[in-house]
Structure formats: C-alpha cells, structure tokens
C-alpha cells in the first residue's frame, strides 16, 4: 500500500465525494464522469441510462459507472433518495479488474446483505471527521468494493460475458496495436469480421463506450504504466508510443481522464 500526502492523492483508492440526496435531481453527463461513480437507491426508484440501456434503480440496487461513460439518470416518479460515492486512486483500475469488474455494472442485493446501508455508514464516519490523510476512507472504499463483488448480484452478467467472449480476439489485438495512430473503426470491424455499426453496439452494450473511446482509455492506461515504469522517457515520446500524433492532444486527453497532467501524474508516483 502506498502512503498518502496531505491530500491523500497517493493512496491506492481515494474518495472524491460521498453523500446522500433526499430528493435526487435529474443528472445528465454526456461525457461521463472523470472518476468511478457509484449511485444506489435508498428509497423510491430512479432510472439510469447509459449506452443503449435504461436500467431501473429500485431500493436495494445500485450502479457502478466507470470513468468517461456517458450517462443520465432521474427519478421515475415521486421522491428518489440516493447515496453516491465517487472515487479514484492509483490502483482503482487494477483493484476493480482483480475483482472482475471490467465494465459499468448494475448490482442488486438482499435486504439482509452486508451491502445494505454500507455507504450510509461510510458517510457517517466521513462526517465525523478525523480522517485527515484519507486512510480510513481508502480502506472503506476497498472494503465496499470487496463486499460488492461478493454479495452484489450482477443481473446482466450472462449477456455481457457472452459479448466479452465475442470481443476478446479484438481486445487482444487492440492490446498489441494501441500504438498505431492509423487504426480506425474499419480496422477494428475487420478484425472481428462485423460491420462498424454492429461493433459499436457490442461495445456500448458491454462497456458503455464506443470502440474509439475504449481505445483511448486503453492508450491512457498504457501511458500511465510507461510514465511510472520509465521515468527517463519524455512525455512526448510516450504520447507517440501510445498512438497520439500530437503531444498537446495527448496531454489534454490524459488530463480529462486522470484529472492531472502526465507530468503531474509522474511526480505523484
């Protein structure tokens, strides 16, 4: 586990916000949120739209949205009470992958499950103060994710798993070709032998992202590995290695996804 500075930015998991909405308002984020975002229903019912899906959120359900996934949500009728949690951290992606949470996911749980009220208790501890370095909140998020993976029932797991099986050859190909700036939708479609429209639908159903947005996220993830693992290599060189022709475009994209510039990210690590 990494230690934190005064802002807690070097922890493997860091809490940006946590809260309770007694009357959840309508929210629309066409570009998604820049961090991982959890929202769950305490009472009432809402509906969340992402990709081509509309997911109802009654009590005892929640949605974990990955960074950059376009979405919107609103109450179905009457009062919709929610808890929310947003988080990032140096190991957020790897921890979620180890828990086999690879995409934005809908969860439900039984009334007696440990998940019930867990975010509310985290909020109470946060409001009580005393967690100056963010250590308790980091531990709390990790405990929450472990509990979610163990007790949360992922209703759409089967069809998404089938989609991942279909996409796996392409995902492997993208892992080996992310440094090629000339890759386009036609290349991705040809790799699977499907139309561009069908490929787009598969990605939206599985990841809530377009194939291009998925490739951009892959490139940024690879650039993070290089920034940490190769400290003597310049940002410009890394931008070229991960498929960006223009370093300013790389820096702007990295900042949008990570919340810091590549140089700041490198210094933090």
Protein backbone atom coordinates (compact mmCIF):
# COMPACT_ATOMS: atom_id res chain seq x y z
CA UNK A 1 0.00 0.00 0.00
CA UNK A 2 1.26 3.46 -0.87
CA UNK A 3 1.26 6.25 1.68
CA UNK A 4 -0.64 9.48 1.14
CA UNK A 5 0.37 13.09 1.02
CA UNK A 6 -1.78 15.63 2.85
CA UNK A 7 -4.44 15.42 0.16
CA UNK A 8 -4.46 11.62 0.16
CA UNK A 9 -3.61 11.59 -3.55
CA UNK A 10 -1.08 8.76 -3.41
CA UNK A 11 -3.38 6.20 -1.84
CA UNK A 12 -4.41 3.22 -3.98
CA UNK A 13 -8.04 4.31 -3.51
CA UNK A 14 -9.09 7.89 -2.80
CA UNK A 15 -12.55 9.27 -2.09
CA UNK A 16 -13.52 12.37 -4.02
CA UNK A 17 -17.06 12.64 -2.67
CA UNK A 18 -19.71 10.76 -0.74
CA UNK A 19 -23.20 11.87 0.07
CA UNK A 20 -26.94 11.45 0.47
CA UNK A 21 -29.62 13.02 -1.71
CA UNK A 22 -33.07 13.11 -0.07
CA UNK A 23 -34.54 14.19 -3.41
CA UNK A 24 -32.27 13.08 -6.25
CA UNK A 25 -32.39 15.59 -9.08
CA UNK A 26 -32.03 14.78 -12.77
CA UNK A 27 -28.40 14.45 -13.85
CA UNK A 28 -27.02 14.32 -17.41
CA UNK A 29 -23.34 13.73 -18.21
CA UNK A 30 -22.86 13.30 -21.99
CA UNK A 31 -19.10 12.97 -21.47
CA UNK A 32 -19.38 10.78 -18.38
CA UNK A 33 -17.68 11.47 -15.05
CA UNK A 34 -13.91 11.67 -14.69
CA UNK A 35 -13.78 9.19 -11.78
CA UNK A 36 -15.52 5.94 -10.81
CA UNK A 37 -19.06 6.76 -9.75
CA UNK A 38 -21.40 4.65 -7.60
CA UNK A 39 -25.07 5.53 -7.10
CA UNK A 40 -27.60 3.43 -5.16
CA UNK A 41 -31.23 3.78 -4.19
CA UNK A 42 -32.22 4.14 -0.55
CA UNK A 43 -35.94 4.56 -1.26
CA UNK A 44 -38.16 5.34 -4.21
CA UNK A 45 -36.99 4.45 -7.69
CA UNK A 46 -34.92 6.06 -10.41
CA UNK A 47 -33.81 5.12 -13.89
CA UNK A 48 -30.31 5.34 -15.29
CA UNK A 49 -29.47 5.49 -19.00
CA UNK A 50 -26.04 4.53 -20.38
CA UNK A 51 -25.02 3.25 -23.76
CA UNK A 52 -28.23 1.92 -25.29
CA UNK A 53 -29.56 0.66 -21.96
CA UNK A 54 -32.09 2.03 -19.48
CA UNK A 55 -31.71 0.46 -16.04
CA UNK A 56 -34.35 0.93 -13.31
CA UNK A 57 -32.89 1.51 -9.84
CA UNK A 58 -35.35 0.50 -7.11
CA UNK A 59 -34.33 0.15 -3.46
CA UNK A 60 -31.62 -2.45 -2.95
CA UNK A 61 -29.91 -1.75 -6.26
CA UNK A 62 -27.02 0.40 -7.47
CA UNK A 63 -24.88 1.18 -10.49
CA UNK A 64 -21.11 1.42 -10.73
CA UNK A 65 -20.09 3.63 -13.67
CA UNK A 66 -16.54 3.63 -14.95
CA UNK A 67 -14.85 6.95 -15.81
CA UNK A 68 -15.87 8.54 -19.08
CA UNK A 69 -19.08 6.53 -19.60
CA UNK A 70 -21.85 8.86 -20.85
CA UNK A 71 -24.97 8.59 -18.70
CA UNK A 72 -28.01 10.32 -17.29
CA UNK A 73 -30.47 9.47 -14.53
CA UNK A 74 -33.66 10.79 -12.98
CA UNK A 75 -36.49 9.76 -10.64
CA UNK A 76 -39.17 7.55 -12.15
CA UNK A 77 -41.87 9.12 -10.00
CA UNK A 78 -42.15 10.78 -6.60
CA UNK A 79 -39.19 11.07 -4.25
CA UNK A 80 -35.99 9.19 -5.11
CA UNK A 81 -33.49 9.03 -2.25
CA UNK A 82 -29.93 8.01 -3.12
CA UNK A 83 -26.45 7.52 -1.79
CA UNK A 84 -23.49 8.28 -4.04
CA UNK A 85 -19.76 7.72 -3.95
CA UNK A 86 -17.05 8.90 -6.35
CA UNK A 87 -13.51 7.62 -6.13
CA UNK A 88 -10.21 7.25 -7.94
CA UNK A 89 -6.68 6.42 -6.83
CA UNK A 90 -3.50 4.96 -8.22
CA UNK A 91 -4.78 1.37 -8.08
CA UNK A 92 -8.51 1.83 -8.66
CA UNK A 93 -8.49 0.21 -12.11
CA UNK A 94 -6.29 -2.73 -11.12
CA UNK A 95 -8.36 -3.41 -7.97
CA UNK A 96 -11.59 -3.46 -9.98
CA UNK A 97 -10.00 -5.75 -12.57
CA UNK A 98 -8.86 -8.12 -9.81
CA UNK A 99 -12.49 -8.24 -8.63
CA UNK A 100 -13.54 -8.99 -12.24
CA UNK A 101 -15.42 -5.69 -12.55
CA UNK A 102 -14.34 -4.76 -16.07
CA UNK A 103 -17.26 -2.58 -17.16
CA UNK A 104 -20.01 -0.34 -15.82
CA UNK A 105 -22.25 -2.70 -13.89
CA UNK A 106 -25.70 -2.90 -12.27
CA UNK A 107 -25.95 -4.65 -8.90
CA UNK A 108 -28.75 -5.74 -6.62
CA UNK A 109 -28.66 -7.28 -3.14
CA UNK A 110 -30.89 -8.76 -0.47
CA UNK A 111 -32.16 -6.68 2.44
CA UNK A 112 -30.02 -8.59 4.94
CA UNK A 113 -26.84 -8.41 2.85
CA UNK A 114 -23.83 -6.51 4.31
CA UNK A 115 -24.10 -4.08 1.38
CA UNK A 116 -27.33 -2.67 2.75
CA UNK A 117 -26.55 0.68 4.38
CA UNK A 118 -22.80 0.33 3.88
CA UNK A 119 -22.36 3.63 2.02
CA UNK A 120 -24.52 5.34 4.63
CA UNK A 121 -22.21 4.14 7.40
CA UNK A 122 -19.18 5.30 5.39
CA UNK A 123 -20.83 8.72 5.10
CA UNK A 124 -21.41 8.91 8.86
CA UNK A 125 -17.73 8.15 9.53
CA UNK A 126 -16.66 10.72 6.97
CA UNK A 127 -18.86 13.41 8.50
CA UNK A 128 -17.47 12.60 11.96
CA UNK A 129 -14.05 13.79 10.75
CA UNK A 130 -10.64 12.67 11.97
CA UNK A 131 -9.56 11.09 8.68
CA UNK A 132 -7.12 13.83 7.69
CA UNK A 133 -4.98 11.69 5.37
CA UNK A 134 -7.82 9.74 3.81
CA UNK A 135 -6.58 6.40 5.15
CA UNK A 136 -9.91 5.36 6.64
CA UNK A 137 -11.87 6.32 3.54
CA UNK A 138 -9.39 4.43 1.33
CA UNK A 139 -9.86 1.32 3.44
CA UNK A 140 -13.62 1.85 3.45
CA UNK A 141 -13.81 2.00 -0.35
CA UNK A 142 -11.74 -1.16 -0.66
CA UNK A 143 -13.99 -2.95 1.83
CA UNK A 144 -17.05 -1.73 -0.04
CA UNK A 145 -15.75 -3.00 -3.40
CA UNK A 146 -14.90 -6.39 -1.90
CA UNK A 147 -18.38 -6.62 -0.39
CA UNK A 148 -19.98 -5.52 -3.66
CA UNK A 149 -18.15 -8.19 -5.64
CA UNK A 150 -19.12 -10.88 -3.10
CA UNK A 151 -22.73 -10.03 -2.26
CA UNK A 152 -23.89 -7.92 -5.20
CA UNK A 153 -25.86 -9.81 -7.84
CA UNK A 154 -24.95 -8.69 -11.34
CA UNK A 155 -28.17 -9.29 -13.28
CA UNK A 156 -26.75 -8.62 -16.73
CA UNK A 157 -23.62 -10.70 -16.24
CA UNK A 158 -24.53 -13.51 -18.65
CA UNK A 159 -25.17 -11.47 -21.82
CA UNK A 160 -22.21 -9.19 -21.12
CA UNK A 161 -19.97 -12.21 -20.60
CA UNK A 162 -21.09 -13.53 -23.97
CA UNK A 163 -20.26 -10.18 -25.55
CA UNK A 164 -16.80 -10.22 -23.99
CA UNK A 165 -16.23 -13.70 -25.43
CA UNK A 166 -17.09 -12.32 -28.87
CA UNK A 167 -14.90 -9.27 -28.40
CA UNK A 168 -11.91 -10.99 -26.79
CA UNK A 169 -9.93 -11.56 -30.03
CA UNK A 170 -10.34 -7.86 -30.86
CA UNK A 171 -9.45 -6.75 -27.32
CA UNK A 172 -6.26 -8.82 -27.53
CA UNK A 173 -5.50 -7.28 -30.93
CA UNK A 174 -6.03 -3.77 -29.53
CA UNK A 175 -3.63 -4.54 -26.68
CA UNK A 176 -0.93 -5.29 -29.24
CA UNK A 177 -1.73 -2.43 -31.67
CA UNK A 178 -2.67 0.53 -29.43
CA UNK A 179 0.50 2.37 -30.53
CA UNK A 180 -0.64 2.61 -34.15
CA UNK A 181 -2.22 6.07 -34.71
CA UNK A 182 -3.74 4.98 -38.03
CA UNK A 183 -6.14 2.43 -36.53
CA UNK A 184 -9.75 3.28 -37.35
CA UNK A 185 -13.19 1.77 -36.92
CA UNK A 186 -12.85 -0.10 -40.22
CA UNK A 187 -9.71 -1.87 -38.92
CA UNK A 188 -11.47 -2.84 -35.69
CA UNK A 189 -14.53 -4.10 -37.55
CA UNK A 190 -12.40 -6.09 -39.99
CA UNK A 191 -10.61 -7.78 -37.10
CA UNK A 192 -13.91 -9.34 -35.99
CA UNK A 193 -15.49 -9.53 -39.42
CA UNK A 194 -18.54 -7.46 -38.44
CA UNK A 195 -19.96 -4.11 -39.51
CA UNK A 196 -18.91 -0.91 -37.78
CA UNK A 197 -22.46 -0.41 -36.52
CA UNK A 198 -22.63 -3.90 -35.03
CA UNK A 199 -19.23 -3.45 -33.38
CA UNK A 200 -20.34 -0.13 -31.91
CA UNK A 201 -23.45 -1.76 -30.44
CA UNK A 202 -21.36 -4.57 -28.91
CA UNK A 203 -19.04 -2.09 -27.20
CA UNK A 204 -21.90 0.07 -25.95
CA UNK A 205 -23.75 -2.95 -24.53
CA UNK A 206 -20.60 -4.31 -22.88
CA UNK A 207 -18.59 -1.30 -21.75
CA UNK A 208 -20.91 1.66 -22.20
CA UNK A 209 -18.28 3.12 -24.54
CA UNK A 210 -17.72 3.37 -28.27
CA UNK A 211 -14.81 1.35 -29.73
CA UNK A 212 -12.85 4.60 -30.18
CA UNK A 213 -13.43 5.68 -26.57
CA UNK A 214 -12.33 2.23 -25.40
CA UNK A 215 -9.13 2.54 -27.44
CA UNK A 216 -8.43 5.99 -25.96
CA UNK A 217 -8.85 4.62 -22.43
CA UNK A 218 -6.50 1.75 -23.29
CA UNK A 219 -3.89 4.20 -24.60
CA UNK A 220 -4.11 6.35 -21.48
CA UNK A 221 -3.80 3.26 -19.24
CA UNK A 222 -0.68 2.17 -21.14
CA UNK A 223 0.77 5.67 -20.90
CA UNK A 224 0.34 5.60 -17.11
CA UNK A 225 2.36 2.37 -16.96
CA UNK A 226 5.13 3.98 -19.03
CA UNK A 227 5.14 7.22 -17.02
CA UNK A 228 5.70 5.23 -13.83
CA UNK A 229 7.91 2.45 -15.18
CA UNK A 230 10.14 4.58 -17.46
CA UNK A 231 10.81 7.86 -15.62
CA UNK A 232 13.55 8.97 -18.02
CA UNK A 233 11.33 8.79 -21.14
CA UNK A 234 9.77 12.12 -22.17
CA UNK A 235 6.04 12.74 -22.25
CA UNK A 236 6.29 13.43 -25.98
CA UNK A 237 7.90 10.04 -26.64
CA UNK A 238 5.30 8.27 -24.53
CA UNK A 239 2.49 10.06 -26.37
CA UNK A 240 3.89 8.74 -29.66
CA UNK A 241 4.29 5.23 -28.28
CA UNK A 242 0.62 5.05 -27.30
CA UNK A 243 -0.69 6.25 -30.63
CA UNK A 244 -1.05 10.04 -30.32
CA UNK A 245 0.36 12.11 -33.18
CA UNK A 246 0.17 15.37 -31.24
CA UNK A 247 1.57 15.67 -27.71
CA UNK A 248 -0.81 18.53 -26.80
CA UNK A 249 -3.78 16.33 -27.71
CA UNK A 250 -2.31 13.56 -25.54
CA UNK A 251 -1.83 15.91 -22.56
CA UNK A 252 -5.39 17.27 -22.88
CA UNK A 253 -6.87 13.76 -23.15
CA UNK A 254 -4.79 12.47 -20.25
CA UNK A 255 -5.85 15.41 -18.06
CA UNK A 256 -9.51 14.86 -18.92
CA UNK A 257 -9.35 11.20 -17.91
CA UNK A 258 -6.90 11.30 -14.99
CA UNK A 259 -7.60 14.76 -13.56
CA UNK A 260 -3.89 15.68 -13.73
CA UNK A 261 -1.34 16.21 -16.49
CA UNK A 262 1.12 13.41 -17.39
CA UNK A 263 3.96 15.29 -15.66
CA UNK A 264 1.89 15.76 -12.50
CA UNK A 265 0.91 12.09 -12.58
CA UNK A 266 4.58 11.11 -12.86
CA UNK A 267 5.57 13.36 -9.95
CA UNK A 268 2.81 11.92 -7.77
CA UNK A 269 4.23 8.46 -8.32
